[in-house]
Amino acid sequence: MGIMRVASAEFLRGFQNKDEFFEKLSSGQDTWRTIADEVVLLTVFSGLYGIVMGSYNGLVQAISSGIKVPLLFALTVLIAFPAFFILQHALGSRLGFWQMLKIILAGFVMIAMVVASFAPIVIFFLITGGNYSFLKLLHVAIFGLGGFFGMKMVLDGLKFCCEKKAIYPKTGVVVFRFWIIILAFVGMQLAWNLRPFIGSRDLPFEFVRGREGNFYVAVIGAASDLVLRDVLKTPKEPSSGLGNEEASQVEKDAPGGK
C-alpha cells in the first residue's frame, strides 16, 4: 500500500511540473521502477472502478469486472502498442521501446485515475436506483472522458519529446492523433468481447458472453431504451371522445339518470 501511495503521489506531482515529469518518462533512468509503478497504479485504479461497475449485479459480477477492466487495458496496450512503436521509428523517432512504453502507460494510468474518480458518482446512481440502460451509457461516457484526458497526456509527452528534446518527429505527433482512433476501436471491440462488465439482473452470471451483436448497436439500443422506456410503460386510457363535463351531462340525460 505504501508503494502505491508513493507512486500515485509522484504521478500526481507530474501535473504541477510536466516538463520534469516528461523528462523522467523519456529518459532511460529508473525505467523498470517507473513501469512497475505505472502497472500498479493502472491495475489498482481500473480494478477499483471495475468492482464498482459490477456491483450493480452482485458480488460475483463485481469481482469479475474488477479482473476484466485491468485486463481490458492490458490487452489494448499489447495489441495496439507494437504497431505504433514500429510506425514511429519508421518516421524517425529516437525514443526507445521502453521510453515510448512509459509514455503510453502514463496515458492509460491517467484514464484509470479519471474513471476511478467517478466511482462515488456511479455508486450514488446505484443506490438511488439507476436503471441498466442509464448505467451503460454513464460508463461509456466516463470511459470516453477518461480516454480524452489520457490521450492528451500522451500527446503532451510526445510534443515535449519533439519540441524540447528533438528526439521525436513532428509527423509522429500528427500520426499519433490517427492512432488514437485505431486505439479507440481496439478498446471498444475488446470491451465488447470481454462483456459483461455491469451484468443484467435478468440474465444468469457469465464471465464472458457470446459474440452476438456489437458495441455500437448496444450503445444505440441502451439510448433508445432509456428514452422510450417511460413512453412504452405508460398505459393508454381508452378515450370516449367526450370531456368529463360532457360525459356527466350525458349520464344525467340518459333514462334512469340522476
C-alpha atoms as a PDB file:
ATOM      1  CA  MET A   1       0.000   0.000   0.000  1.00  0.00           C
ATOM      2  CA  GLY A   2       2.901   2.322   0.779  1.00  0.00           C
ATOM      3  CA  ILE A   3       4.384   1.692  -2.665  1.00  0.00           C
ATOM      4  CA  MET A   4       1.102   2.647  -4.315  1.00  0.00           C
ATOM      5  CA  ARG A   5       0.851   5.816  -2.212  1.00  0.00           C
ATOM      6  CA  VAL A   6       4.339   6.903  -3.242  1.00  0.00           C
ATOM      7  CA  ALA A   7       3.729   6.021  -6.911  1.00  0.00           C
ATOM      8  CA  SER A   8       0.424   7.894  -7.064  1.00  0.00           C
ATOM      9  CA  ALA A   9       1.945  10.910  -5.285  1.00  0.00           C
ATOM     10  CA  GLU A  10       4.794  11.075  -7.807  1.00  0.00           C
ATOM     11  CA  PHE A  11       2.352  10.698 -10.685  1.00  0.00           C
ATOM     12  CA  LEU A  12       0.102  13.481  -9.384  1.00  0.00           C
ATOM     13  CA  ARG A  13       3.108  15.764  -8.815  1.00  0.00           C
ATOM     14  CA  GLY A  14       3.781  15.427 -12.524  1.00  0.00           C
ATOM     15  CA  PHE A  15       0.733  17.626 -13.167  1.00  0.00           C
ATOM     16  CA  GLN A  16       2.473  20.515 -11.389  1.00  0.00           C
ATOM     17  CA  ASN A  17       5.733  20.195 -13.333  1.00  0.00           C
ATOM     18  CA  LYS A  18       5.032  18.499 -16.628  1.00  0.00           C
ATOM     19  CA  ASP A  19       8.470  19.167 -18.101  1.00  0.00           C
ATOM     20  CA  GLU A  20      10.156  17.323 -15.247  1.00  0.00           C
ATOM     21  CA  PHE A  21       7.597  14.528 -15.447  1.00  0.00           C
ATOM     22  CA  PHE A  22       8.005  14.011 -19.199  1.00  0.00           C
ATOM     23  CA  GLU A  23      11.770  14.290 -18.869  1.00  0.00           C
ATOM     24  CA  LYS A  24      11.690  11.335 -16.495  1.00  0.00           C
ATOM     25  CA  LEU A  25       9.433   9.319 -18.797  1.00  0.00           C
ATOM     26  CA  SER A  26      11.502   9.975 -21.904  1.00  0.00           C
ATOM     27  CA  SER A  27      14.850   9.266 -20.245  1.00  0.00           C
ATOM     28  CA  GLY A  28      16.441   5.911 -19.590  1.00  0.00           C
ATOM     29  CA  GLN A  29      16.586   6.465 -15.824  1.00  0.00           C
ATOM     30  CA  ASP A  30      14.511   4.360 -13.390  1.00  0.00           C
ATOM     31  CA  THR A  31      12.869   2.630 -16.327  1.00  0.00           C
ATOM     32  CA  TRP A  32      11.797  -0.565 -14.578  1.00  0.00           C
ATOM     33  CA  ARG A  33      10.692   1.200 -11.423  1.00  0.00           C
ATOM     34  CA  THR A  34       8.615   3.683 -13.418  1.00  0.00           C
ATOM     35  CA  ILE A  35       6.973   0.933 -15.482  1.00  0.00           C
ATOM     36  CA  ALA A  36       6.262  -1.085 -12.318  1.00  0.00           C
ATOM     37  CA  ASP A  37       4.695   1.974 -10.652  1.00  0.00           C
ATOM     38  CA  GLU A  38       2.536   2.610 -13.708  1.00  0.00           C
ATOM     39  CA  VAL A  39       1.383  -1.005 -13.875  1.00  0.00           C
ATOM     40  CA  VAL A  40       0.475  -0.993 -10.166  1.00  0.00           C
ATOM     41  CA  LEU A  41      -1.469   2.262 -10.449  1.00  0.00           C
ATOM     42  CA  LEU A  42      -3.234   1.128 -13.632  1.00  0.00           C
ATOM     43  CA  THR A  43      -4.237  -2.195 -12.093  1.00  0.00           C
ATOM     44  CA  VAL A  44      -5.459  -0.751  -8.787  1.00  0.00           C
ATOM     45  CA  PHE A  45      -7.459   2.187 -10.143  1.00  0.00           C
ATOM     46  CA  SER A  46      -9.011   0.297 -13.072  1.00  0.00           C
ATOM     47  CA  GLY A  47      -9.724  -2.715 -10.847  1.00  0.00           C
ATOM     48  CA  LEU A  48     -11.446  -0.474  -8.309  1.00  0.00           C
ATOM     49  CA  TYR A  49     -13.681   1.016 -10.963  1.00  0.00           C
ATOM     50  CA  GLY A  50     -14.410  -2.452 -12.352  1.00  0.00           C
ATOM     51  CA  ILE A  51     -15.617  -3.578  -8.918  1.00  0.00           C
ATOM     52  CA  VAL A  52     -17.949  -0.583  -8.751  1.00  0.00           C
ATOM     53  CA  MET A  53     -19.254  -1.345 -12.262  1.00  0.00           C
ATOM     54  CA  GLY A  54     -20.049  -4.958 -11.470  1.00  0.00           C
ATOM     55  CA  SER A  55     -21.576  -4.251  -8.050  1.00  0.00           C
ATOM     56  CA  TYR A  56     -24.834  -3.469  -9.888  1.00  0.00           C
ATOM     57  CA  ASN A  57     -25.334  -7.222 -10.302  1.00  0.00           C
ATOM     58  CA  GLY A  58     -23.867  -8.589  -7.080  1.00  0.00           C
ATOM     59  CA  LEU A  59     -20.570  -9.699  -5.577  1.00  0.00           C
ATOM     60  CA  VAL A  60     -19.583 -12.277  -8.210  1.00  0.00           C
ATOM     61  CA  GLN A  61     -20.068  -9.800 -11.058  1.00  0.00           C
ATOM     62  CA  ALA A  62     -18.145  -7.152  -9.083  1.00  0.00           C
ATOM     63  CA  ILE A  63     -15.148  -9.495  -8.693  1.00  0.00           C
ATOM     64  CA  SER A  64     -15.367 -10.500 -12.359  1.00  0.00           C
ATOM     65  CA  SER A  65     -15.408  -6.881 -13.559  1.00  0.00           C
ATOM     66  CA  GLY A  66     -12.626  -5.979 -11.140  1.00  0.00           C
ATOM     67  CA  ILE A  67     -10.477  -8.504 -13.007  1.00  0.00           C
ATOM     68  CA  LYS A  68     -11.665  -7.706 -16.516  1.00  0.00           C
ATOM     69  CA  VAL A  69     -11.238  -3.916 -16.551  1.00  0.00           C
ATOM     70  CA  PRO A  70      -7.458  -4.096 -15.860  1.00  0.00           C
ATOM     71  CA  LEU A  71      -7.324  -6.953 -18.387  1.00  0.00           C
ATOM     72  CA  LEU A  72      -9.057  -4.714 -20.924  1.00  0.00           C
ATOM     73  CA  PHE A  73      -6.401  -2.010 -20.518  1.00  0.00           C
ATOM     74  CA  ALA A  74      -3.533  -4.518 -20.642  1.00  0.00           C
ATOM     75  CA  LEU A  75      -4.781  -6.229 -23.809  1.00  0.00           C
ATOM     76  CA  THR A  76      -5.421  -2.882 -25.506  1.00  0.00           C
ATOM     77  CA  VAL A  77      -1.794  -1.848 -24.928  1.00  0.00           C
ATOM     78  CA  LEU A  78      -0.438  -5.258 -26.010  1.00  0.00           C
ATOM     79  CA  ILE A  79      -2.433  -5.231 -29.245  1.00  0.00           C
ATOM     80  CA  ALA A  80      -2.062  -1.591 -30.315  1.00  0.00           C
ATOM     81  CA  PHE A  81       1.362  -0.538 -28.998  1.00  0.00           C
ATOM     82  CA  PRO A  82       3.739  -2.642 -31.191  1.00  0.00           C
ATOM     83  CA  ALA A  83       2.346  -1.264 -34.456  1.00  0.00           C
ATOM     84  CA  PHE A  84       2.545   2.288 -33.110  1.00  0.00           C
ATOM     85  CA  PHE A  85       6.152   1.847 -31.971  1.00  0.00           C
ATOM     86  CA  ILE A  86       7.315   0.418 -35.331  1.00  0.00           C
ATOM     87  CA  LEU A  87       5.492   3.155 -37.240  1.00  0.00           C
ATOM     88  CA  GLN A  88       7.043   5.908 -35.118  1.00  0.00           C
ATOM     89  CA  HIS A  89      10.537   4.524 -35.666  1.00  0.00           C
ATOM     90  CA  ALA A  90       9.889   4.392 -39.392  1.00  0.00           C
ATOM     91  CA  LEU A  91       9.091   8.118 -39.168  1.00  0.00           C
ATOM     92  CA  GLY A  92      12.398   8.857 -37.418  1.00  0.00           C
ATOM     93  CA  SER A  93      11.611   8.665 -33.708  1.00  0.00           C
ATOM     94  CA  ARG A  94      14.628   8.193 -31.428  1.00  0.00           C
ATOM     95  CA  LEU A  95      12.556   7.174 -28.419  1.00  0.00           C
ATOM     96  CA  GLY A  96      13.437   3.667 -27.285  1.00  0.00           C
ATOM     97  CA  PHE A  97      10.888   0.904 -26.789  1.00  0.00           C
ATOM     98  CA  TRP A  98      10.759   1.276 -23.000  1.00  0.00           C
ATOM     99  CA  GLN A  99      10.719   5.072 -23.156  1.00  0.00           C
ATOM    100  CA  MET A 100       7.751   5.003 -25.518  1.00  0.00           C
ATOM    101  CA  LEU A 101       6.008   2.400 -23.366  1.00  0.00           C
ATOM    102  CA  LYS A 102       6.399   4.584 -20.257  1.00  0.00           C
ATOM    103  CA  ILE A 103       4.709   7.490 -22.043  1.00  0.00           C
ATOM    104  CA  ILE A 104       1.843   5.327 -23.340  1.00  0.00           C
ATOM    105  CA  LEU A 105       1.331   3.699 -19.925  1.00  0.00           C
ATOM    106  CA  ALA A 106       1.232   7.136 -18.305  1.00  0.00           C
ATOM    107  CA  GLY A 107      -1.734   7.950 -20.524  1.00  0.00           C
ATOM    108  CA  PHE A 108      -3.505   4.748 -19.506  1.00  0.00           C
ATOM    109  CA  VAL A 109      -2.828   5.471 -15.826  1.00  0.00           C
ATOM    110  CA  MET A 110      -4.474   8.836 -16.354  1.00  0.00           C
ATOM    111  CA  ILE A 111      -7.527   7.113 -17.871  1.00  0.00           C
ATOM    112  CA  ALA A 112      -7.731   4.733 -14.901  1.00  0.00           C
ATOM    113  CA  MET A 113      -7.419   7.576 -12.375  1.00  0.00           C
ATOM    114  CA  VAL A 114     -10.102   9.650 -14.082  1.00  0.00           C
ATOM    115  CA  VAL A 115     -12.629   6.788 -14.284  1.00  0.00           C
ATOM    116  CA  ALA A 116     -11.872   5.760 -10.677  1.00  0.00           C
ATOM    117  CA  SER A 117     -12.570   9.336  -9.535  1.00  0.00           C
ATOM    118  CA  PHE A 118     -16.127   8.906 -10.858  1.00  0.00           C
ATOM    119  CA  ALA A 119     -16.737   5.812  -8.705  1.00  0.00           C
ATOM    120  CA  PRO A 120     -18.625   7.787  -5.972  1.00  0.00           C
ATOM    121  CA  ILE A 121     -20.960   9.219  -8.628  1.00  0.00           C
ATOM    122  CA  VAL A 122     -21.631   5.735 -10.036  1.00  0.00           C
ATOM    123  CA  ILE A 123     -22.297   4.429  -6.510  1.00  0.00           C
ATOM    124  CA  PHE A 124     -24.762   7.290  -5.974  1.00  0.00           C
ATOM    125  CA  PHE A 125     -26.762   6.258  -9.040  1.00  0.00           C
ATOM    126  CA  LEU A 126     -26.614   2.618  -7.976  1.00  0.00           C
ATOM    127  CA  ILE A 127     -28.081   3.495  -4.583  1.00  0.00           C
ATOM    128  CA  THR A 128     -30.747   5.824  -5.958  1.00  0.00           C
ATOM    129  CA  GLY A 129     -31.985   3.285  -8.492  1.00  0.00           C
ATOM    130  CA  GLY A 130     -30.191   3.987 -11.772  1.00  0.00           C
ATOM    131  CA  ASN A 131     -31.530   1.587 -14.395  1.00  0.00           C
ATOM    132  CA  TYR A 132     -29.390  -0.755 -16.503  1.00  0.00           C
ATOM    133  CA  SER A 133     -29.556   1.262 -19.732  1.00  0.00           C
ATOM    134  CA  PHE A 134     -28.684   4.520 -17.974  1.00  0.00           C
ATOM    135  CA  LEU A 135     -25.708   2.914 -16.218  1.00  0.00           C
ATOM    136  CA  LYS A 136     -24.361   1.519 -19.505  1.00  0.00           C
ATOM    137  CA  LEU A 137     -24.429   4.972 -21.094  1.00  0.00           C
ATOM    138  CA  LEU A 138     -22.933   6.527 -17.956  1.00  0.00           C
ATOM    139  CA  HIS A 139     -19.974   4.126 -18.015  1.00  0.00           C
ATOM    140  CA  VAL A 140     -19.407   4.734 -21.743  1.00  0.00           C
ATOM    141  CA  ALA A 141     -19.356   8.493 -21.101  1.00  0.00           C
ATOM    142  CA  ILE A 142     -16.942   8.124 -18.160  1.00  0.00           C
ATOM    143  CA  PHE A 143     -14.540   5.957 -20.161  1.00  0.00           C
ATOM    144  CA  GLY A 144     -14.770   8.408 -23.040  1.00  0.00           C
ATOM    145  CA  LEU A 145     -13.882  11.316 -20.748  1.00  0.00           C
ATOM    146  CA  GLY A 146     -11.015   9.336 -19.218  1.00  0.00           C
ATOM    147  CA  GLY A 147      -9.760   8.447 -22.673  1.00  0.00           C
ATOM    148  CA  PHE A 148      -9.710  12.117 -23.669  1.00  0.00           C
ATOM    149  CA  PHE A 149      -7.511  13.132 -20.724  1.00  0.00           C
ATOM    150  CA  GLY A 150      -5.311  10.044 -21.044  1.00  0.00           C
ATOM    151  CA  MET A 151      -4.556  10.577 -24.718  1.00  0.00           C
ATOM    152  CA  LYS A 152      -3.997  14.288 -24.097  1.00  0.00           C
ATOM    153  CA  MET A 153      -1.276  13.341 -21.618  1.00  0.00           C
ATOM    154  CA  VAL A 154       0.410  11.078 -24.177  1.00  0.00           C
ATOM    155  CA  LEU A 155       0.152  13.810 -26.814  1.00  0.00           C
ATOM    156  CA  ASP A 156       1.712  16.358 -24.444  1.00  0.00           C
ATOM    157  CA  GLY A 157       4.544  13.908 -23.725  1.00  0.00           C
ATOM    158  CA  LEU A 158       5.247  13.356 -27.413  1.00  0.00           C
ATOM    159  CA  LYS A 159       5.185  17.115 -28.054  1.00  0.00           C
ATOM    160  CA  PHE A 160       7.692  17.575 -25.242  1.00  0.00           C
ATOM    161  CA  CYS A 161       9.983  14.991 -26.861  1.00  0.00           C
ATOM    162  CA  CYS A 162       9.564  16.731 -30.213  1.00  0.00           C
ATOM    163  CA  GLU A 163       9.881  20.395 -29.244  1.00  0.00           C
ATOM    164  CA  LYS A 164      12.220  20.342 -26.241  1.00  0.00           C
ATOM    165  CA  LYS A 165      14.359  17.234 -26.759  1.00  0.00           C
ATOM    166  CA  ALA A 166      14.245  16.897 -30.563  1.00  0.00           C
ATOM    167  CA  ILE A 167      14.047  13.098 -30.329  1.00  0.00           C
ATOM    168  CA  TYR A 168      10.562  12.740 -31.779  1.00  0.00           C
ATOM    169  CA  PRO A 169       9.388  13.839 -35.272  1.00  0.00           C
ATOM    170  CA  LYS A 170       6.599  16.363 -35.812  1.00  0.00           C
ATOM    171  CA  THR A 171       4.994  13.955 -38.269  1.00  0.00           C
ATOM    172  CA  GLY A 172       4.803  11.407 -35.480  1.00  0.00           C
ATOM    173  CA  VAL A 173       2.667  13.778 -33.393  1.00  0.00           C
ATOM    174  CA  VAL A 174       0.208  14.035 -36.292  1.00  0.00           C
ATOM    175  CA  VAL A 175       0.197  10.272 -36.827  1.00  0.00           C
ATOM    176  CA  PHE A 176      -0.479   9.708 -33.135  1.00  0.00           C
ATOM    177  CA  ARG A 177      -3.797  11.549 -33.482  1.00  0.00           C
ATOM    178  CA  PHE A 178      -4.877   8.973 -36.075  1.00  0.00           C
ATOM    179  CA  TRP A 179      -3.549   6.155 -33.889  1.00  0.00           C
ATOM    180  CA  ILE A 180      -5.907   7.319 -31.129  1.00  0.00           C
ATOM    181  CA  ILE A 181      -8.836   6.419 -33.408  1.00  0.00           C
ATOM    182  CA  ILE A 182      -7.386   2.943 -34.010  1.00  0.00           C
ATOM    183  CA  LEU A 183      -6.800   2.561 -30.274  1.00  0.00           C
ATOM    184  CA  ALA A 184     -10.403   3.531 -29.549  1.00  0.00           C
ATOM    185  CA  PHE A 185     -11.754   0.912 -31.976  1.00  0.00           C
ATOM    186  CA  VAL A 186      -9.473  -1.755 -30.491  1.00  0.00           C
ATOM    187  CA  GLY A 187     -10.597  -0.841 -26.972  1.00  0.00           C
ATOM    188  CA  MET A 188     -14.297  -0.868 -27.864  1.00  0.00           C
ATOM    189  CA  GLN A 189     -14.058  -4.219 -29.647  1.00  0.00           C
ATOM    190  CA  LEU A 190     -12.145  -5.742 -26.735  1.00  0.00           C
ATOM    191  CA  ALA A 191     -14.678  -4.358 -24.252  1.00  0.00           C
ATOM    192  CA  TRP A 192     -17.485  -5.942 -26.255  1.00  0.00           C
ATOM    193  CA  ASN A 193     -15.758  -9.334 -26.321  1.00  0.00           C
ATOM    194  CA  LEU A 194     -14.981  -9.198 -22.585  1.00  0.00           C
ATOM    195  CA  ARG A 195     -18.514  -8.189 -21.549  1.00  0.00           C
ATOM    196  CA  PRO A 196     -20.480  -8.211 -19.300  1.00  0.00           C
ATOM    197  CA  PHE A 197     -18.955  -5.580 -17.030  1.00  0.00           C
ATOM    198  CA  ILE A 198     -22.214  -4.424 -15.431  1.00  0.00           C
ATOM    199  CA  GLY A 199     -24.286  -7.585 -15.793  1.00  0.00           C
ATOM    200  CA  SER A 200     -28.017  -7.649 -16.447  1.00  0.00           C
ATOM    201  CA  ARG A 201     -30.076  -8.799 -13.472  1.00  0.00           C
ATOM    202  CA  ASP A 202     -32.383 -10.639 -15.876  1.00  0.00           C
ATOM    203  CA  LEU A 203     -29.598 -12.946 -17.102  1.00  0.00           C
ATOM    204  CA  PRO A 204     -27.501 -15.575 -15.305  1.00  0.00           C
ATOM    205  CA  PHE A 205     -23.896 -14.689 -14.468  1.00  0.00           C
ATOM    206  CA  GLU A 206     -21.352 -15.269 -17.241  1.00  0.00           C
ATOM    207  CA  PHE A 207     -17.680 -14.332 -17.108  1.00  0.00           C
ATOM    208  CA  VAL A 208     -17.707 -13.730 -20.880  1.00  0.00           C
ATOM    209  CA  ARG A 209     -20.792 -13.689 -23.066  1.00  0.00           C
ATOM    210  CA  GLY A 210     -21.296 -14.854 -26.665  1.00  0.00           C
ATOM    211  CA  ARG A 211     -20.250 -12.727 -29.625  1.00  0.00           C
ATOM    212  CA  GLU A 212     -23.671 -11.700 -30.894  1.00  0.00           C
ATOM    213  CA  GLY A 213     -24.253  -8.029 -31.775  1.00  0.00           C
ATOM    214  CA  ASN A 214     -21.644  -5.293 -31.437  1.00  0.00           C
ATOM    215  CA  PHE A 215     -20.663  -2.384 -29.209  1.00  0.00           C
ATOM    216  CA  TYR A 216     -22.248   0.356 -31.330  1.00  0.00           C
ATOM    217  CA  VAL A 217     -25.653  -1.335 -31.621  1.00  0.00           C
ATOM    218  CA  ALA A 218     -25.619  -1.949 -27.851  1.00  0.00           C
ATOM    219  CA  VAL A 219     -24.984   1.757 -27.108  1.00  0.00           C
ATOM    220  CA  ILE A 220     -27.732   2.871 -29.522  1.00  0.00           C
ATOM    221  CA  GLY A 221     -30.075   0.287 -28.033  1.00  0.00           C
ATOM    222  CA  ALA A 222     -29.345   1.498 -24.492  1.00  0.00           C
ATOM    223  CA  ALA A 223     -30.023   5.109 -25.526  1.00  0.00           C
ATOM    224  CA  SER A 224     -33.292   4.130 -27.237  1.00  0.00           C
ATOM    225  CA  ASP A 225     -34.388   2.087 -24.239  1.00  0.00           C
ATOM    226  CA  LEU A 226     -33.640   4.982 -21.894  1.00  0.00           C
ATOM    227  CA  VAL A 227     -35.606   7.471 -23.997  1.00  0.00           C
ATOM    228  CA  LEU A 228     -38.582   5.232 -24.823  1.00  0.00           C
ATOM    229  CA  ARG A 229     -38.856   3.366 -21.505  1.00  0.00           C
ATOM    230  CA  ASP A 230     -41.359   5.727 -19.897  1.00  0.00           C
ATOM    231  CA  VAL A 231     -43.348   6.097 -23.110  1.00  0.00           C
ATOM    232  CA  LEU A 232     -43.728   2.354 -23.586  1.00  0.00           C
ATOM    233  CA  LYS A 233     -44.643   1.751 -19.942  1.00  0.00           C
ATOM    234  CA  THR A 234     -47.362   4.447 -19.831  1.00  0.00           C
ATOM    235  CA  PRO A 235     -50.764   2.729 -20.263  1.00  0.00           C
ATOM    236  CA  LYS A 236     -53.063   4.294 -22.802  1.00  0.00           C
ATOM    237  CA  GLU A 237     -56.505   5.053 -21.345  1.00  0.00           C
ATOM    238  CA  PRO A 238     -59.466   4.424 -23.652  1.00  0.00           C
ATOM    239  CA  SER A 239     -60.963   7.647 -24.869  1.00  0.00           C
ATOM    240  CA  SER A 240     -64.721   8.102 -25.304  1.00  0.00           C
ATOM    241  CA  GLY A 241     -64.214  11.295 -27.267  1.00  0.00           C
ATOM    242  CA  LEU A 242     -66.070  13.294 -24.580  1.00  0.00           C
ATOM    243  CA  GLY A 243     -64.782  15.525 -21.822  1.00  0.00           C
ATOM    244  CA  ASN A 244     -65.653  14.864 -18.186  1.00  0.00           C
ATOM    245  CA  GLU A 245     -68.381  17.503 -18.023  1.00  0.00           C
ATOM    246  CA  GLU A 246     -69.966  16.301 -21.288  1.00  0.00           C
ATOM    247  CA  ALA A 247     -69.912  12.674 -20.126  1.00  0.00           C
ATOM    248  CA  SER A 248     -71.576  13.687 -16.842  1.00  0.00           C
ATOM    249  CA  GLN A 249     -74.316  15.547 -18.695  1.00  0.00           C
ATOM    250  CA  VAL A 250     -74.963  12.562 -20.973  1.00  0.00           C
ATOM    251  CA  GLU A 251     -75.279  10.341 -17.914  1.00  0.00           C
ATOM    252  CA  LYS A 252     -77.856  12.704 -16.372  1.00  0.00           C
ATOM    253  CA  ASP A 253     -79.902  12.927 -19.579  1.00  0.00           C
ATOM    254  CA  ALA A 254     -79.932   9.164 -20.062  1.00  0.00           C
ATOM    255  CA  PRO A 255     -83.046   7.170 -18.928  1.00  0.00           C
ATOM    256  CA  GLY A 256     -82.666   6.371 -15.266  1.00  0.00           C
ATOM    257  CA  GLY A 257     -80.018   9.070 -14.841  1.00  0.00           C
ATOM    258  CA  LYS A 258     -79.876  11.234 -11.696  1.00  0.00           C
END
